[in-house]
Amino acid sequence: MVQINNKPENVNKSQLNSANQVITERVPRIIARHKVADEDTLSNIALRYYTNGSRPYWMTIYEANRDEIGGNPQRLKVGTLLVIPELPQELKK
């Protein structure tokens, strides 16, 4: 039994498996953590971890760290700890 809004709800195993699959698909696995150094850019960080520094790759890192980085992906603060997510399926070769 699962409680939603403090009300018990009956949820079958199939519904739970389906919900877990959706959550797993939306939350990428973290493959590394990276502490921003003085000369770092998202492009060179993407190149280091994904061997490709083009926009779709560095945007993957930016989207996973938007709260830490802020609204401008070109302004990284030295010392910020970034998570490096697993690449989405469409970027895997």
N, C-alpha and C. Protein backbone atom coordinates (compact mmCIF):
# COMPACT_ATOMS: atom_id res chain seq x y z
N MET A 1 0.85 -1.18 0.00
CA MET A 1 0.00 0.00 0.00
C MET A 1 0.89 1.24 0.00
N VAL A 2 0.52 2.21 -0.82
CA VAL A 2 1.25 3.46 -0.93
C VAL A 2 0.35 4.57 -0.43
N GLN A 3 0.93 5.53 0.28
CA GLN A 3 0.14 6.66 0.72
C GLN A 3 0.44 7.86 -0.16
N ILE A 4 -0.61 8.45 -0.69
CA ILE A 4 -0.50 9.65 -1.49
C ILE A 4 -1.41 10.69 -0.85
N ASN A 5 -0.85 11.84 -0.54
CA ASN A 5 -1.61 12.90 0.14
C ASN A 5 -2.24 12.40 1.43
N ASN A 6 -1.47 11.58 2.16
CA ASN A 6 -1.91 11.02 3.44
C ASN A 6 -3.11 10.11 3.33
N LYS A 7 -3.45 9.66 2.12
CA LYS A 7 -4.55 8.72 1.92
C LYS A 7 -3.96 7.42 1.40
N PRO A 8 -4.33 6.29 2.00
CA PRO A 8 -3.81 5.04 1.49
C PRO A 8 -4.36 4.76 0.09
N GLU A 9 -3.49 4.30 -0.78
CA GLU A 9 -3.89 3.95 -2.14
C GLU A 9 -3.40 2.53 -2.41
N ASN A 10 -4.24 1.72 -2.99
CA ASN A 10 -3.80 0.39 -3.39
C ASN A 10 -3.12 0.48 -4.74
N VAL A 11 -1.90 -0.01 -4.80
CA VAL A 11 -1.12 0.02 -6.02
C VAL A 11 -0.60 -1.39 -6.26
N ASN A 12 -0.85 -1.91 -7.47
CA ASN A 12 -0.37 -3.26 -7.73
C ASN A 12 1.08 -3.24 -8.18
N LYS A 13 1.69 -4.41 -8.22
CA LYS A 13 3.11 -4.54 -8.53
C LYS A 13 3.42 -4.02 -9.94
N SER A 14 2.54 -4.24 -10.86
CA SER A 14 2.73 -3.77 -12.24
C SER A 14 2.81 -2.25 -12.29
N GLN A 15 1.95 -1.57 -11.52
CA GLN A 15 1.97 -0.11 -11.48
C GLN A 15 3.28 0.39 -10.87
N LEU A 16 3.76 -0.26 -9.82
CA LEU A 16 5.01 0.14 -9.20
C LEU A 16 6.19 -0.06 -10.16
N ASN A 17 6.21 -1.19 -10.86
CA ASN A 17 7.28 -1.44 -11.82
C ASN A 17 7.25 -0.39 -12.93
N SER A 18 6.07 -0.04 -13.38
CA SER A 18 5.94 0.98 -14.42
C SER A 18 6.42 2.33 -13.92
N ALA A 19 6.06 2.69 -12.70
CA ALA A 19 6.49 3.97 -12.12
C ALA A 19 8.00 3.98 -11.93
N ASN A 20 8.57 2.88 -11.47
CA ASN A 20 10.03 2.80 -11.30
C ASN A 20 10.75 2.93 -12.63
N GLN A 21 10.19 2.36 -13.68
CA GLN A 21 10.81 2.45 -15.00
C GLN A 21 10.82 3.90 -15.48
N VAL A 22 9.72 4.63 -15.29
CA VAL A 22 9.63 6.03 -15.69
C VAL A 22 10.67 6.85 -14.93
N ILE A 23 10.77 6.64 -13.63
CA ILE A 23 11.73 7.38 -12.81
C ILE A 23 13.15 7.07 -13.27
N THR A 24 13.45 5.81 -13.50
CA THR A 24 14.78 5.42 -13.93
C THR A 24 15.13 6.04 -15.28
N GLU A 25 14.17 6.10 -16.18
CA GLU A 25 14.42 6.68 -17.50
C GLU A 25 14.66 8.19 -17.42
N ARG A 26 14.07 8.85 -16.46
CA ARG A 26 14.18 10.31 -16.35
C ARG A 26 15.38 10.76 -15.53
N VAL A 27 15.89 9.91 -14.68
CA VAL A 27 17.01 10.27 -13.82
C VAL A 27 18.24 9.53 -14.33
N PRO A 28 19.14 10.26 -15.00
CA PRO A 28 20.32 9.58 -15.53
C PRO A 28 21.26 9.12 -14.43
N ARG A 29 21.97 8.06 -14.69
CA ARG A 29 22.97 7.54 -13.76
C ARG A 29 24.16 8.49 -13.77
N ILE A 30 24.72 8.74 -12.61
CA ILE A 30 25.89 9.60 -12.48
C ILE A 30 27.14 8.75 -12.71
N ILE A 31 27.97 9.15 -13.69
CA ILE A 31 29.18 8.37 -13.99
C ILE A 31 30.43 8.95 -13.33
N ALA A 32 30.36 10.23 -12.93
CA ALA A 32 31.52 10.88 -12.31
C ALA A 32 31.10 12.17 -11.63
N ARG A 33 31.99 12.69 -10.84
CA ARG A 33 31.84 14.03 -10.26
C ARG A 33 33.09 14.80 -10.67
N HIS A 34 32.91 16.08 -10.95
CA HIS A 34 34.02 16.90 -11.44
C HIS A 34 34.05 18.22 -10.69
N LYS A 35 35.19 18.54 -10.11
CA LYS A 35 35.37 19.83 -9.44
C LYS A 35 35.93 20.81 -10.46
N VAL A 36 35.21 21.91 -10.67
CA VAL A 36 35.59 22.89 -11.68
C VAL A 36 36.93 23.54 -11.33
N ALA A 37 37.84 23.51 -12.30
CA ALA A 37 39.16 24.14 -12.16
C ALA A 37 39.16 25.47 -12.92
N ASP A 38 40.23 26.22 -12.76
CA ASP A 38 40.33 27.58 -13.28
C ASP A 38 40.01 27.71 -14.77
N GLU A 39 40.54 26.87 -15.61
CA GLU A 39 40.37 27.02 -17.06
C GLU A 39 39.25 26.15 -17.63
N ASP A 40 38.44 25.50 -16.79
CA ASP A 40 37.40 24.59 -17.28
C ASP A 40 36.29 25.31 -18.02
N THR A 41 35.80 24.64 -19.05
CA THR A 41 34.56 25.03 -19.74
C THR A 41 33.73 23.76 -19.81
N LEU A 42 32.44 23.93 -20.04
CA LEU A 42 31.61 22.73 -20.18
C LEU A 42 32.05 21.91 -21.39
N SER A 43 32.51 22.58 -22.41
CA SER A 43 32.98 21.87 -23.59
C SER A 43 34.19 20.99 -23.29
N ASN A 44 35.17 21.53 -22.56
CA ASN A 44 36.34 20.68 -22.30
C ASN A 44 36.04 19.61 -21.25
N ILE A 45 35.08 19.86 -20.37
CA ILE A 45 34.66 18.82 -19.42
C ILE A 45 33.96 17.70 -20.18
N ALA A 46 33.07 18.06 -21.12
CA ALA A 46 32.39 17.05 -21.94
C ALA A 46 33.41 16.25 -22.75
N LEU A 47 34.39 16.93 -23.29
CA LEU A 47 35.43 16.25 -24.07
C LEU A 47 36.18 15.23 -23.19
N ARG A 48 36.44 15.61 -21.96
CA ARG A 48 37.16 14.72 -21.04
C ARG A 48 36.36 13.45 -20.73
N TYR A 49 35.06 13.62 -20.43
CA TYR A 49 34.26 12.48 -19.99
C TYR A 49 33.56 11.75 -21.13
N TYR A 50 33.22 12.45 -22.20
CA TYR A 50 32.46 11.85 -23.29
C TYR A 50 33.26 11.73 -24.59
N THR A 51 34.48 12.24 -24.62
CA THR A 51 35.33 12.32 -25.82
C THR A 51 34.68 13.12 -26.94
N ASN A 52 33.79 14.01 -26.57
CA ASN A 52 33.15 14.90 -27.55
C ASN A 52 32.75 16.17 -26.81
N GLY A 53 33.22 17.32 -27.27
CA GLY A 53 32.93 18.58 -26.58
C GLY A 53 31.89 19.43 -27.28
N SER A 54 31.16 18.85 -28.23
CA SER A 54 30.17 19.64 -28.96
C SER A 54 28.93 19.91 -28.11
N ARG A 55 28.11 20.82 -28.60
CA ARG A 55 26.97 21.34 -27.83
C ARG A 55 26.07 20.28 -27.20
N PRO A 56 25.63 19.26 -27.92
CA PRO A 56 24.73 18.29 -27.27
C PRO A 56 25.37 17.61 -26.05
N TYR A 57 26.68 17.44 -26.09
CA TYR A 57 27.38 16.77 -24.99
C TYR A 57 27.56 17.69 -23.79
N TRP A 58 28.01 18.93 -24.03
CA TRP A 58 28.17 19.81 -22.87
C TRP A 58 26.82 20.23 -22.30
N MET A 59 25.79 20.26 -23.17
CA MET A 59 24.44 20.59 -22.66
C MET A 59 23.92 19.49 -21.73
N THR A 60 24.33 18.26 -21.96
CA THR A 60 23.95 17.15 -21.06
C THR A 60 24.48 17.44 -19.66
N ILE A 61 25.71 17.90 -19.58
CA ILE A 61 26.30 18.24 -18.27
C ILE A 61 25.62 19.48 -17.69
N TYR A 62 25.38 20.47 -18.53
CA TYR A 62 24.73 21.70 -18.06
C TYR A 62 23.35 21.41 -17.48
N GLU A 63 22.55 20.65 -18.22
CA GLU A 63 21.18 20.35 -17.75
C GLU A 63 21.20 19.61 -16.42
N ALA A 64 22.16 18.75 -16.22
CA ALA A 64 22.25 18.01 -14.96
C ALA A 64 22.72 18.88 -13.80
N ASN A 65 23.32 20.04 -14.11
CA ASN A 65 23.91 20.90 -13.09
C ASN A 65 23.39 22.33 -13.13
N ARG A 66 22.28 22.55 -13.78
CA ARG A 66 21.74 23.90 -13.97
C ARG A 66 21.60 24.65 -12.64
N ASP A 67 21.15 23.97 -11.61
CA ASP A 67 20.98 24.64 -10.31
C ASP A 67 22.31 25.12 -9.73
N GLU A 68 23.37 24.37 -9.97
CA GLU A 68 24.70 24.74 -9.48
C GLU A 68 25.35 25.82 -10.34
N ILE A 69 25.16 25.72 -11.66
CA ILE A 69 25.82 26.62 -12.60
C ILE A 69 25.09 27.95 -12.74
N GLY A 70 23.77 27.90 -12.75
CA GLY A 70 22.97 29.10 -12.96
C GLY A 70 22.56 29.24 -14.42
N GLY A 71 22.12 30.41 -14.78
CA GLY A 71 21.54 30.64 -16.10
C GLY A 71 22.52 30.78 -17.24
N ASN A 72 23.80 30.93 -16.96
CA ASN A 72 24.79 31.12 -18.02
C ASN A 72 25.79 29.97 -18.02
N PRO A 73 25.66 29.05 -18.99
CA PRO A 73 26.55 27.90 -19.00
C PRO A 73 28.01 28.25 -19.30
N GLN A 74 28.28 29.47 -19.71
CA GLN A 74 29.66 29.88 -19.99
C GLN A 74 30.38 30.40 -18.74
N ARG A 75 29.65 30.53 -17.64
CA ARG A 75 30.25 31.05 -16.42
C ARG A 75 30.28 29.96 -15.35
N LEU A 76 31.40 29.28 -15.27
CA LEU A 76 31.58 28.25 -14.26
C LEU A 76 32.39 28.83 -13.10
N LYS A 77 31.95 28.54 -11.90
CA LYS A 77 32.66 29.02 -10.72
C LYS A 77 33.66 27.95 -10.27
N VAL A 78 34.92 28.35 -10.16
CA VAL A 78 35.98 27.44 -9.71
C VAL A 78 35.59 26.83 -8.36
N GLY A 79 35.77 25.52 -8.27
CA GLY A 79 35.46 24.82 -7.03
C GLY A 79 34.08 24.19 -7.01
N THR A 80 33.22 24.55 -7.96
CA THR A 80 31.88 23.96 -8.02
C THR A 80 32.00 22.48 -8.34
N LEU A 81 31.26 21.65 -7.62
CA LEU A 81 31.24 20.22 -7.87
C LEU A 81 30.10 19.90 -8.82
N LEU A 82 30.44 19.37 -9.97
CA LEU A 82 29.45 19.01 -10.98
C LEU A 82 29.27 17.51 -11.03
N VAL A 83 28.06 17.07 -11.31
CA VAL A 83 27.82 15.66 -11.58
C VAL A 83 27.91 15.46 -13.08
N ILE A 84 28.47 14.35 -13.48
CA ILE A 84 28.58 14.01 -14.89
C ILE A 84 27.63 12.84 -15.12
N PRO A 85 26.51 13.11 -15.82
CA PRO A 85 25.54 12.04 -16.01
C PRO A 85 25.93 11.13 -17.18
N GLU A 86 25.39 9.96 -17.14
CA GLU A 86 25.53 9.05 -18.27
C GLU A 86 24.91 9.71 -19.49
N LEU A 87 25.48 9.49 -20.65
CA LEU A 87 24.93 10.08 -21.86
C LEU A 87 23.54 9.52 -22.16
N PRO A 88 22.65 10.36 -22.66
CA PRO A 88 21.37 9.83 -23.11
C PRO A 88 21.59 8.87 -24.29
N GLN A 89 20.68 7.97 -24.49
CA GLN A 89 20.83 6.94 -25.50
C GLN A 89 21.10 7.52 -26.89
N GLU A 90 20.46 8.64 -27.22
CA GLU A 90 20.63 9.21 -28.56
C GLU A 90 22.03 9.76 -28.82
N LEU A 91 22.83 9.98 -27.76
CA LEU A 91 24.20 10.47 -27.94
C LEU A 91 25.25 9.36 -27.84
N LYS A 92 24.82 8.18 -27.44
CA LYS A 92 25.77 7.06 -27.35
C LYS A 92 26.06 6.54 -28.74
N LYS A 93 27.32 6.20 -28.97
CA LYS A 93 27.71 5.71 -30.30
C LYS A 93 27.88 4.23 -30.29
